[in-house]
Amino acid sequence: MAHDSFPSQCWSRTPYYRPGGKLSAEQLNAGQADAVKRDRLVNVAMHGVGVVFGLAILAGEQGHIVIEEGCIHISCGLAFDRYGRMLFWRGGWLSLGHIVGCKPERQGRYTLRIHYAEKSDSGDAFDPCREGSDWVDRCVAFTLEASCEPWNGCPPEPPCDACLTRGEWICTRNGTHQGAVPMDDQLAYACAEIPDLAASDCGRVAYDPDAGLPLSCIEICDLDRDKEDCDQRLGFCPCTPVESCRIRPVAYRNPLLRELIDGADMRPAKIESYSWADWRMDCWDDRHRVPFKAFKQRAMACDPDCSADHKKGFWVKFTCPVQRCTLHPLSVLMEIYIRENRPHYWKPLRIPIEVRHLDENGEVLAEDADDECARGLLICPLKDWIRYELEDENSTILDCANRGQLARVEITLRGQIIRDCCGLMIDARPPDIDVDDPCGNRAGQARPGDDWISVFRVGPNASPGHGYNDRDDPGGYGSGDADYSQEQR
């Protein structure tokens, strides 16, 4: 290859010093700029964008913001903006007079942001025609932006039909190739040119107004609102909670590494909702029972001879499609525990069932349907069991209840047998385990290949105060476990 065809894509230019040579201002500035650019690239690529540590808003014992002489205190801390610039604050008090850019003009909630800034104490330090050398201080500036929205730092969720390997996740997230998930947004600014800083404070301070990092929600109110005939005097509102963690992004030491630790690259199917969620038993309570009539109605819901609605039966909905061939009476179990008369042992009795497959809308898939995967399943006790156990006056369940012992029902999904469409074992986490997690994937809680178990007890009557009184009409498909569905998370 000819030397003159070498691509001119050199990004770094540093001076080469020789003994006796004179160091020009251009060479010195070029060397400093090169070092800054290297640090910037490493920061945004390796550490990410957000707060590294500190920058906490001082709060009192009740969690309310501390205000002294109209100022709030922000602790020492370090952050990186989207261009990888270091934002370091030694700690100190901040007043509304220190806010740059637009000052608040009305009461309300604001977002406190921190920005990269430069300033000089000797006139206009940003005039290129000025002669002589000046000191340029790198610092931070604070702004207040109207409204305050929580920060969504959740990694992208690949579609259910994207069977990604860990290597494919890494390649797409670091921009090596295009795939089912986008490249990390933080990397979009790694190669971008940094815009000019905007002048403020009569030209002595320049800051980047668009690349600020949110730190906390701040309430601004009229401090003289209780006084008559007084002009509006805006300030930090006392007795308001400090809201920082819900809004500020955090710069992990490696964002991609955290995604892998969090299991974002491999999210197997898990139970999204199930029809008997309001029956589940979390804590032991002798009064906690399901009325026999409601249990009977749900068990008979998929019997076509009874003209019942199968969507009111025992159904389970998954977050992603699951292989139909893995849903059968050996992977889906329904057992009832009855207490024996003499030895008082609890004897497990497996209920004979048929497992039917459901589509996205909860409709039963035909056995010869072309769909290899299903979005849910329907548990149908066999007719003979219903006839002898639910319709006969000598029902074992009622007999147990009449002896003062509630029959126990356990429904189990075996995660080692059930596979999603990517061949992964399902995640046996209960649907409610991620309710408080904004990303819906609490690290360390995943249970691929484990058994998902739901337990409830059946008695002759409902218990007062437990929500089962006269509950003769179970909800339809999609309504079970509504508080934990993906749509409302």
Protein backbone atom coordinates (compact mmCIF):
# COMPACT_ATOMS: atom_id res chain seq x y z
CA MET A 1 0.00 0.00 0.00
CA ALA A 2 1.38 3.40 -0.95
CA HIS A 3 2.18 5.77 1.91
CA ASP A 4 0.25 8.64 0.33
CA SER A 5 -2.97 6.57 0.55
CA PHE A 6 -2.83 6.36 4.34
CA PRO A 7 -6.12 7.77 5.71
CA SER A 8 -5.70 11.12 7.44
CA GLN A 9 -7.73 10.23 10.51
CA CYS A 10 -5.14 11.08 13.15
CA TRP A 11 -6.97 12.47 16.16
CA SER A 12 -4.04 13.35 18.43
CA ARG A 13 -1.26 15.89 17.82
CA THR A 14 1.41 16.51 20.46
CA PRO A 15 4.61 18.57 20.21
CA TYR A 16 8.00 16.86 20.09
CA TYR A 17 10.59 18.68 22.22
CA ARG A 18 14.27 18.96 21.38
CA PRO A 19 17.11 20.24 23.57
CA GLY A 20 17.46 24.01 23.20
CA GLY A 21 14.13 24.36 21.44
CA LYS A 22 11.64 27.05 22.36
CA LEU A 23 8.23 26.02 23.65
CA SER A 24 5.55 28.09 21.97
CA ALA A 25 2.11 28.87 23.38
CA GLU A 26 0.60 26.83 20.53
CA GLN A 27 2.64 23.73 21.47
CA LEU A 28 1.88 24.03 25.17
CA ASN A 29 -1.85 24.50 24.59
CA ALA A 30 -1.87 21.61 22.11
CA GLY A 31 -0.25 19.29 24.64
CA GLN A 32 -2.73 20.27 27.34
CA ALA A 33 -5.70 19.92 24.99
CA ASP A 34 -4.52 16.47 23.94
CA ALA A 35 -4.33 15.28 27.56
CA VAL A 36 -7.80 16.66 28.28
CA LYS A 37 -9.23 14.93 25.23
CA ARG A 38 -7.71 11.61 26.24
CA ASP A 39 -9.20 11.88 29.73
CA ARG A 40 -12.58 12.83 28.29
CA LEU A 41 -12.68 9.79 26.01
CA VAL A 42 -11.68 7.42 28.81
CA ASN A 43 -14.26 8.91 31.18
CA VAL A 44 -17.26 8.62 28.89
CA ALA A 45 -16.26 5.22 27.43
CA MET A 46 -15.10 3.44 30.58
CA HIS A 47 -16.98 5.12 33.43
CA GLY A 48 -20.17 6.46 31.87
CA VAL A 49 -22.21 9.59 32.48
CA GLY A 50 -23.54 10.64 35.86
CA VAL A 51 -22.59 11.15 39.48
CA VAL A 52 -19.59 9.12 40.66
CA PHE A 53 -19.90 10.02 44.33
CA GLY A 54 -21.21 12.76 46.60
CA LEU A 55 -23.04 15.90 45.47
CA ALA A 56 -25.65 15.16 48.13
CA ILE A 57 -28.20 17.74 49.20
CA LEU A 58 -27.97 18.25 52.96
CA ALA A 59 -31.09 17.00 54.73
CA GLY A 60 -32.24 16.95 58.33
CA GLU A 61 -33.44 14.07 60.48
CA GLN A 62 -36.87 14.05 58.81
CA GLY A 63 -35.29 13.91 55.35
CA HIS A 64 -36.25 17.52 54.65
CA ILE A 65 -33.87 19.92 52.97
CA VAL A 66 -31.71 22.07 55.25
CA ILE A 67 -31.80 25.79 54.46
CA GLU A 68 -29.61 28.37 56.17
CA GLU A 69 -29.85 32.05 55.23
CA GLY A 70 -31.60 31.08 52.00
CA CYS A 71 -28.88 28.63 50.96
CA ILE A 72 -28.76 24.86 50.55
CA HIS A 73 -25.65 22.78 51.06
CA ILE A 74 -24.25 20.43 48.40
CA SER A 75 -21.56 18.04 49.55
CA CYS A 76 -18.24 17.41 47.85
CA GLY A 77 -18.62 15.17 44.84
CA LEU A 78 -17.54 14.12 41.37
CA ALA A 79 -19.52 13.58 38.18
CA PHE A 80 -18.94 13.14 34.44
CA ASP A 81 -21.10 14.86 31.84
CA ARG A 82 -21.98 13.36 28.45
CA TYR A 83 -18.71 14.63 26.92
CA GLY A 84 -16.66 12.96 29.65
CA ARG A 85 -15.73 16.24 31.30
CA MET A 86 -15.02 16.08 35.00
CA LEU A 87 -17.45 17.99 37.23
CA PHE A 88 -15.86 18.38 40.64
CA TRP A 89 -17.38 20.35 43.49
CA ARG A 90 -15.53 20.83 46.76
CA GLY A 91 -18.74 21.23 48.71
CA GLY A 92 -20.46 24.35 49.94
CA TRP A 93 -23.61 26.42 50.18
CA LEU A 94 -25.65 27.44 47.16
CA SER A 95 -28.14 30.32 46.93
CA LEU A 96 -30.51 31.37 44.17
CA GLY A 97 -28.07 34.17 43.40
CA HIS A 98 -25.47 31.56 42.39
CA ILE A 99 -27.78 30.06 39.79
CA VAL A 100 -26.66 30.80 36.23
CA GLY A 101 -28.90 31.04 33.19
CA CYS A 102 -32.61 31.69 33.68
CA LYS A 103 -33.63 32.36 37.27
CA PRO A 104 -36.92 30.94 38.61
CA GLU A 105 -39.82 33.31 38.00
CA ARG A 106 -42.61 31.35 39.64
CA GLN A 107 -43.26 28.82 42.36
CA GLY A 108 -43.02 25.14 41.51
CA ARG A 109 -40.78 22.10 41.20
CA TYR A 110 -37.42 22.50 39.50
CA THR A 111 -34.54 20.26 38.53
CA LEU A 112 -31.21 21.29 40.03
CA ARG A 113 -28.49 20.60 37.45
CA ILE A 114 -24.72 20.77 37.57
CA HIS A 115 -22.75 21.89 34.48
CA TYR A 116 -19.17 22.08 33.31
CA ALA A 117 -17.94 25.69 33.50
CA GLU A 118 -14.82 27.82 33.10
CA LYS A 119 -14.09 31.23 34.56
CA SER A 120 -11.32 33.78 35.06
CA ASP A 121 -10.80 36.59 37.56
CA SER A 122 -8.94 38.86 35.15
CA GLY A 123 -11.43 40.37 32.75
CA ASP A 124 -12.76 38.59 29.72
CA ALA A 125 -10.74 35.37 29.63
CA PHE A 126 -12.48 34.16 26.48
CA ASP A 127 -11.24 36.86 24.14
CA PRO A 128 -8.78 35.21 21.68
CA CYS A 129 -7.28 38.62 20.81
CA ARG A 130 -6.25 39.35 24.37
CA GLU A 131 -2.48 39.46 24.89
CA GLY A 132 -0.62 37.79 27.72
CA SER A 133 -1.41 34.68 29.73
CA ASP A 134 -4.32 34.20 32.05
CA TRP A 135 -5.47 31.54 34.43
CA VAL A 136 -8.59 29.70 33.34
CA ASP A 137 -10.33 27.89 36.18
CA ARG A 138 -12.32 24.77 35.46
CA CYS A 139 -15.31 24.64 37.74
CA VAL A 140 -19.02 23.88 37.80
CA ALA A 141 -22.18 25.92 37.48
CA PHE A 142 -25.69 25.20 38.73
CA THR A 143 -28.99 25.82 36.98
CA LEU A 144 -32.67 25.31 37.80
CA GLU A 145 -34.89 23.86 35.11
CA ALA A 146 -38.68 24.03 35.41
CA SER A 147 -40.37 20.65 36.12
CA CYS A 148 -38.76 17.55 37.55
CA GLU A 149 -39.01 14.12 35.95
CA PRO A 150 -37.45 10.89 37.24
CA TRP A 151 -34.45 9.60 35.35
CA ASN A 152 -34.90 6.34 33.48
CA GLY A 153 -31.56 4.57 33.49
CA CYS A 154 -32.91 1.17 32.51
CA PRO A 155 -31.02 -0.68 29.77
CA PRO A 156 -33.00 -1.44 26.62
CA GLU A 157 -35.09 -4.57 26.66
CA PRO A 158 -34.62 -6.80 23.62
CA PRO A 159 -37.74 -8.17 21.93
CA CYS A 160 -38.88 -11.61 23.02
CA ASP A 161 -37.96 -13.15 19.67
CA ALA A 162 -34.38 -11.87 19.85
CA CYS A 163 -32.33 -14.79 21.15
CA LEU A 164 -29.16 -12.85 21.96
CA THR A 165 -26.00 -14.38 23.29
CA ARG A 166 -23.87 -12.51 25.79
CA GLY A 167 -21.32 -11.74 23.06
CA GLU A 168 -24.02 -10.30 20.81
CA TRP A 169 -25.29 -8.10 23.63
CA ILE A 170 -21.79 -6.71 24.23
CA CYS A 171 -21.23 -6.09 20.51
CA THR A 172 -24.47 -4.20 20.02
CA ARG A 173 -24.24 -2.18 23.24
CA ASN A 174 -20.71 -0.97 22.49
CA GLY A 175 -21.53 -0.19 18.86
CA THR A 176 -19.56 -2.98 17.20
CA HIS A 177 -22.52 -3.95 15.03
CA GLN A 178 -26.23 -3.28 14.78
CA GLY A 179 -28.61 -5.69 16.44
CA ALA A 180 -31.82 -6.08 18.38
CA VAL A 181 -30.76 -3.56 21.05
CA PRO A 182 -29.32 -0.08 20.42
CA MET A 183 -25.83 1.11 21.22
CA ASP A 184 -25.44 2.74 24.61
CA ASP A 185 -26.67 6.33 24.30
CA GLN A 186 -23.75 7.59 26.38
CA LEU A 187 -21.30 6.55 23.66
CA ALA A 188 -23.01 8.81 21.11
CA TYR A 189 -21.15 11.82 22.54
CA ALA A 190 -17.74 10.16 22.84
CA CYS A 191 -16.77 11.16 19.28
CA ALA A 192 -18.86 14.35 19.16
CA GLU A 193 -17.31 17.78 18.99
CA ILE A 194 -17.82 19.77 22.16
CA PRO A 195 -19.92 22.91 21.50
CA ASP A 196 -18.72 26.34 22.55
CA LEU A 197 -19.51 27.35 26.09
CA ALA A 198 -22.21 29.94 26.72
CA ALA A 199 -21.10 33.12 28.49
CA SER A 200 -22.70 34.13 31.77
CA ASP A 201 -22.03 36.48 34.68
CA CYS A 202 -20.96 39.36 32.41
CA GLY A 203 -18.64 37.15 30.40
CA ARG A 204 -16.52 36.01 33.33
CA VAL A 205 -18.15 32.56 33.50
CA ALA A 206 -18.86 30.25 30.58
CA TYR A 207 -20.77 26.98 30.91
CA ASP A 208 -22.39 24.29 28.81
CA PRO A 209 -26.16 24.81 29.25
CA ASP A 210 -27.18 21.60 27.42
CA ALA A 211 -24.93 19.01 29.05
CA GLY A 212 -25.90 19.48 32.67
CA LEU A 213 -26.55 16.53 34.98
CA PRO A 214 -29.70 16.44 37.14
CA LEU A 215 -28.95 16.27 40.86
CA SER A 216 -32.25 16.61 42.66
CA CYS A 217 -35.79 17.93 42.60
CA ILE A 218 -36.00 21.31 44.30
CA GLU A 219 -39.15 23.10 45.45
CA ILE A 220 -39.21 26.88 44.92
CA CYS A 221 -41.87 28.86 46.76
CA ASP A 222 -42.79 32.38 47.83
CA LEU A 223 -41.19 32.88 51.21
CA ASP A 224 -43.53 35.82 51.95
CA ARG A 225 -46.73 34.06 50.88
CA ASP A 226 -48.18 34.39 54.40
CA LYS A 227 -47.59 38.14 54.50
CA GLU A 228 -50.10 40.55 53.07
CA ASP A 229 -49.19 43.31 50.60
CA CYS A 230 -45.72 41.84 50.00
CA ASP A 231 -44.09 41.26 46.65
CA GLN A 232 -43.16 37.74 45.70
CA ARG A 233 -39.85 36.63 47.23
CA LEU A 234 -38.83 33.30 45.73
CA GLY A 235 -36.48 30.95 47.52
CA PHE A 236 -35.77 27.35 48.39
CA CYS A 237 -38.87 25.99 50.04
CA PRO A 238 -38.32 24.63 53.59
CA CYS A 239 -39.83 21.41 54.92
CA THR A 240 -39.64 19.66 51.56
CA PRO A 241 -38.09 16.19 51.08
CA VAL A 242 -34.79 15.78 49.28
CA GLU A 243 -35.38 13.85 46.06
CA SER A 244 -32.02 12.91 44.57
CA CYS A 245 -31.76 9.18 43.90
CA ARG A 246 -34.91 9.10 41.78
CA ILE A 247 -33.61 11.70 39.35
CA ARG A 248 -29.81 11.64 39.15
CA PRO A 249 -27.95 9.28 36.80
CA VAL A 250 -25.05 7.38 38.30
CA ALA A 251 -21.72 6.86 36.54
CA TYR A 252 -20.85 3.22 37.14
CA ARG A 253 -17.29 2.21 36.70
CA ASN A 254 -18.47 0.36 33.64
CA PRO A 255 -22.12 0.69 32.53
CA LEU A 256 -21.94 -2.35 30.27
CA LEU A 257 -20.55 -4.46 33.11
CA ARG A 258 -23.50 -3.48 35.28
CA GLU A 259 -25.92 -4.52 32.54
CA LEU A 260 -24.28 -7.93 32.43
CA ILE A 261 -24.35 -8.29 36.22
CA ASP A 262 -28.00 -7.23 36.21
CA GLY A 263 -28.81 -9.90 33.65
CA ALA A 264 -30.08 -7.39 31.09
CA ASP A 265 -28.50 -9.39 28.28
CA MET A 266 -30.40 -12.57 29.17
CA ARG A 267 -33.95 -12.11 30.39
CA PRO A 268 -35.77 -15.44 30.19
CA ALA A 269 -39.54 -15.60 30.29
CA LYS A 270 -41.13 -15.23 33.70
CA ILE A 271 -44.69 -15.24 35.01
CA GLU A 272 -46.27 -11.90 34.18
CA SER A 273 -49.66 -12.54 35.77
CA TYR A 274 -51.94 -15.35 36.90
CA SER A 275 -55.66 -15.54 37.51
CA TRP A 276 -55.69 -16.56 41.18
CA ALA A 277 -53.26 -13.85 42.33
CA ASP A 278 -55.74 -12.46 44.84
CA TRP A 279 -55.82 -15.89 46.52
CA ARG A 280 -52.09 -16.19 47.05
CA MET A 281 -50.91 -16.74 50.60
CA ASP A 282 -47.82 -14.73 51.56
CA CYS A 283 -48.00 -14.98 55.35
CA TRP A 284 -49.50 -17.72 57.49
CA ASP A 285 -52.93 -16.81 58.77
CA ASP A 286 -55.49 -19.38 59.92
CA ARG A 287 -58.29 -17.12 58.72
CA HIS A 288 -56.85 -16.87 55.21
CA ARG A 289 -59.04 -19.03 52.98
CA VAL A 290 -60.65 -19.17 49.56
CA PRO A 291 -64.37 -20.02 49.46
CA PHE A 292 -65.03 -23.49 48.09
CA LYS A 293 -67.62 -22.08 45.67
CA ALA A 294 -65.07 -19.73 44.05
CA PHE A 295 -62.48 -22.52 43.80
CA LYS A 296 -65.04 -24.83 42.19
CA GLN A 297 -66.10 -22.20 39.66
CA ARG A 298 -62.53 -21.47 38.60
CA ALA A 299 -61.68 -25.18 38.33
CA MET A 300 -64.69 -25.78 36.07
CA ALA A 301 -64.16 -22.69 33.91
CA CYS A 302 -62.51 -24.54 31.02
CA ASP A 303 -65.15 -27.28 30.78
CA PRO A 304 -66.94 -26.72 27.44
CA ASP A 305 -69.94 -28.75 28.65
CA CYS A 306 -70.62 -26.11 31.29
CA SER A 307 -70.51 -23.25 28.72
CA ALA A 308 -68.04 -21.52 31.03
CA ASP A 309 -65.50 -18.89 30.08
CA HIS A 310 -62.02 -20.43 30.15
CA LYS A 311 -60.52 -16.97 30.71
CA LYS A 312 -61.93 -17.16 34.24
CA GLY A 313 -60.12 -20.38 34.97
CA PHE A 314 -56.63 -21.15 36.26
CA TRP A 315 -54.49 -19.41 33.65
CA VAL A 316 -50.88 -18.19 33.65
CA LYS A 317 -49.44 -15.53 31.35
CA PHE A 318 -45.72 -15.28 30.56
CA THR A 319 -43.69 -12.17 29.73
CA CYS A 320 -42.30 -13.88 26.59
CA PRO A 321 -43.45 -16.81 24.45
CA VAL A 322 -42.72 -20.29 25.80
CA GLN A 323 -42.23 -23.51 23.85
CA ARG A 324 -45.52 -25.37 23.75
CA CYS A 325 -43.87 -28.79 23.85
CA THR A 326 -42.53 -28.00 27.34
CA LEU A 327 -45.94 -27.17 28.81
CA HIS A 328 -47.54 -30.43 29.94
CA PRO A 329 -48.72 -32.23 33.13
CA LEU A 330 -45.13 -33.09 34.09
CA SER A 331 -43.98 -29.45 34.04
CA VAL A 332 -47.22 -27.95 35.37
CA LEU A 333 -48.47 -29.50 38.62
CA MET A 334 -51.58 -28.93 40.68
CA GLU A 335 -51.61 -30.65 44.06
CA ILE A 336 -53.95 -30.63 47.01
CA TYR A 337 -52.89 -31.44 50.57
CA ILE A 338 -55.45 -33.15 52.79
CA ARG A 339 -54.96 -33.96 56.48
CA GLU A 340 -55.49 -37.60 57.41
CA ASN A 341 -57.81 -38.48 60.27
CA ARG A 342 -55.69 -40.64 62.57
CA PRO A 343 -51.96 -39.82 62.17
CA HIS A 344 -52.69 -36.17 61.25
CA TYR A 345 -50.21 -36.18 58.39
CA TRP A 346 -50.70 -33.90 55.43
CA LYS A 347 -51.08 -36.16 52.43
CA PRO A 348 -50.33 -34.71 48.96
CA LEU A 349 -52.76 -35.67 46.20
CA ARG A 350 -51.92 -34.68 42.65
CA ILE A 351 -54.92 -33.38 40.74
CA PRO A 352 -55.14 -34.88 37.23
CA ILE A 353 -55.03 -31.99 34.81
CA GLU A 354 -54.81 -31.12 31.16
CA VAL A 355 -52.55 -28.23 30.12
CA ARG A 356 -53.83 -26.10 27.27
CA HIS A 357 -51.82 -23.44 25.48
CA LEU A 358 -52.91 -19.81 25.12
CA ASP A 359 -52.00 -17.11 22.62
CA GLU A 360 -51.34 -13.43 23.30
CA ASN A 361 -55.07 -12.73 23.70
CA GLY A 362 -55.72 -15.68 25.97
CA GLU A 363 -57.40 -17.81 23.31
CA VAL A 364 -56.78 -21.55 23.36
CA LEU A 365 -54.41 -22.71 20.63
CA ALA A 366 -55.45 -25.78 18.68
CA GLU A 367 -53.26 -28.85 19.13
CA ASP A 368 -52.37 -28.85 15.43
CA ALA A 369 -51.71 -25.09 15.28
CA ASP A 370 -48.47 -24.00 13.59
CA ASP A 371 -47.43 -21.91 16.59
CA GLU A 372 -44.46 -23.56 18.28
CA CYS A 373 -44.67 -21.16 21.21
CA ALA A 374 -47.45 -20.00 23.51
CA ARG A 375 -47.84 -16.87 25.60
CA GLY A 376 -49.73 -18.58 28.42
CA LEU A 377 -51.25 -21.79 29.71
CA LEU A 378 -54.57 -22.94 31.09
CA ILE A 379 -54.80 -25.56 33.87
CA CYS A 380 -57.88 -27.75 33.38
CA PRO A 381 -58.69 -30.41 36.00
CA LEU A 382 -60.10 -33.54 34.35
CA LYS A 383 -63.84 -34.11 34.32
CA ASP A 384 -63.76 -37.24 36.47
CA TRP A 385 -61.91 -35.41 39.23
CA ILE A 386 -64.38 -32.51 39.06
CA ARG A 387 -67.31 -34.94 39.25
CA TYR A 388 -66.04 -36.85 42.29
CA GLU A 389 -64.23 -34.04 44.12
CA LEU A 390 -66.19 -30.85 43.45
CA GLU A 391 -69.71 -31.99 42.62
CA ASP A 392 -70.05 -34.86 45.10
CA GLU A 393 -71.31 -34.18 48.61
CA ASN A 394 -68.52 -36.39 49.95
CA SER A 395 -65.85 -34.02 48.63
CA THR A 396 -62.48 -34.57 50.26
CA ILE A 397 -61.87 -30.83 50.34
CA LEU A 398 -65.14 -30.12 52.17
CA ASP A 399 -64.61 -33.06 54.49
CA CYS A 400 -61.22 -31.68 55.46
CA ALA A 401 -62.68 -28.23 56.01
CA ASN A 402 -65.56 -29.58 58.08
CA ARG A 403 -62.98 -31.16 60.37
CA GLY A 404 -61.49 -27.72 60.96
CA GLN A 405 -58.55 -28.13 58.56
CA LEU A 406 -58.33 -26.05 55.41
CA ALA A 407 -57.30 -27.97 52.30
CA ARG A 408 -54.02 -26.63 50.84
CA VAL A 409 -53.57 -26.19 47.11
CA GLU A 410 -50.13 -25.84 45.50
CA ILE A 411 -49.63 -24.99 41.82
CA THR A 412 -46.08 -25.54 40.59
CA LEU A 413 -44.35 -24.65 37.32
CA ARG A 414 -41.09 -26.54 36.91
CA GLY A 415 -38.52 -24.12 35.55
CA GLN A 416 -36.01 -26.80 34.62
CA ILE A 417 -38.43 -28.30 32.12
CA ILE A 418 -40.20 -25.25 30.70
CA ARG A 419 -38.21 -23.40 28.00
CA ASP A 420 -38.82 -20.10 26.26
CA CYS A 421 -38.49 -19.72 22.50
CA CYS A 422 -34.74 -19.09 22.86
CA GLY A 423 -34.28 -22.38 24.70
CA LEU A 424 -33.73 -20.72 28.08
CA MET A 425 -35.26 -21.99 31.31
CA ILE A 426 -37.98 -19.72 32.66
CA ASP A 427 -37.27 -17.37 35.54
CA ALA A 428 -39.23 -18.51 38.61
CA ARG A 429 -39.31 -15.12 40.32
CA PRO A 430 -42.76 -14.21 41.67
CA PRO A 431 -44.29 -11.31 39.70
CA ASP A 432 -44.35 -9.03 42.76
CA ILE A 433 -40.59 -9.22 43.37
CA ASP A 434 -39.89 -6.36 40.92
CA VAL A 435 -42.70 -3.97 41.85
CA ASP A 436 -40.38 -1.35 43.39
CA ASP A 437 -37.64 -1.72 40.79
CA PRO A 438 -38.05 0.82 37.93
CA CYS A 439 -36.21 -1.48 35.55
CA GLY A 440 -38.18 -4.56 36.59
CA ASN A 441 -35.05 -6.65 37.00
CA ARG A 442 -33.75 -6.62 40.54
CA ALA A 443 -30.21 -7.98 40.53
CA GLY A 444 -29.71 -11.17 42.51
CA GLN A 445 -33.40 -12.12 42.46
CA ALA A 446 -33.41 -14.09 39.20
CA ARG A 447 -34.20 -17.81 39.54
CA PRO A 448 -33.86 -19.46 36.12
CA GLY A 449 -34.59 -23.18 36.27
CA ASP A 450 -36.20 -23.03 39.70
CA ASP A 451 -39.78 -24.01 40.57
CA TRP A 452 -42.46 -21.32 40.65
CA ILE A 453 -44.91 -22.20 43.42
CA SER A 454 -48.22 -20.59 44.36
CA VAL A 455 -50.11 -21.64 47.50
CA PHE A 456 -53.61 -20.99 48.79
CA ARG A 457 -56.08 -22.69 51.13
CA VAL A 458 -59.68 -23.63 50.48
CA GLY A 459 -62.48 -23.59 53.08
CA PRO A 460 -66.26 -23.78 53.09
CA ASN A 461 -66.77 -20.05 53.58
CA ALA A 462 -64.91 -16.79 53.06
CA SER A 463 -63.12 -14.98 55.85
CA PRO A 464 -64.26 -11.48 56.86
CA GLY A 465 -61.72 -8.85 55.96
CA HIS A 466 -59.82 -10.98 53.43
CA GLY A 467 -61.62 -9.87 50.29
CA TYR A 468 -63.21 -13.23 49.43
CA ASN A 469 -66.80 -12.61 50.50
CA ASP A 470 -69.26 -13.46 47.71
CA ARG A 471 -66.45 -13.44 45.15
CA ASP A 472 -68.26 -15.66 42.68
CA ASP A 473 -67.04 -14.00 39.47
CA PRO A 474 -63.26 -14.38 38.97
CA GLY A 475 -61.62 -11.82 36.70
CA GLY A 476 -60.97 -12.49 33.02
CA TYR A 477 -57.70 -13.15 31.22
CA GLY A 478 -55.19 -10.39 31.91
CA SER A 479 -56.93 -9.07 35.02
CA GLY A 480 -55.27 -11.43 37.48
CA ASP A 481 -52.32 -10.01 39.39
CA ALA A 482 -53.05 -6.63 37.82
CA ASP A 483 -50.83 -4.79 40.31
CA TYR A 484 -47.80 -6.70 39.03
CA SER A 485 -48.44 -6.71 35.27
CA GLN A 486 -45.68 -5.39 33.00
CA GLU A 487 -47.98 -2.71 31.59
CA GLN A 488 -48.45 -1.05 34.99
CA ARG A 489 -44.91 -1.50 36.25
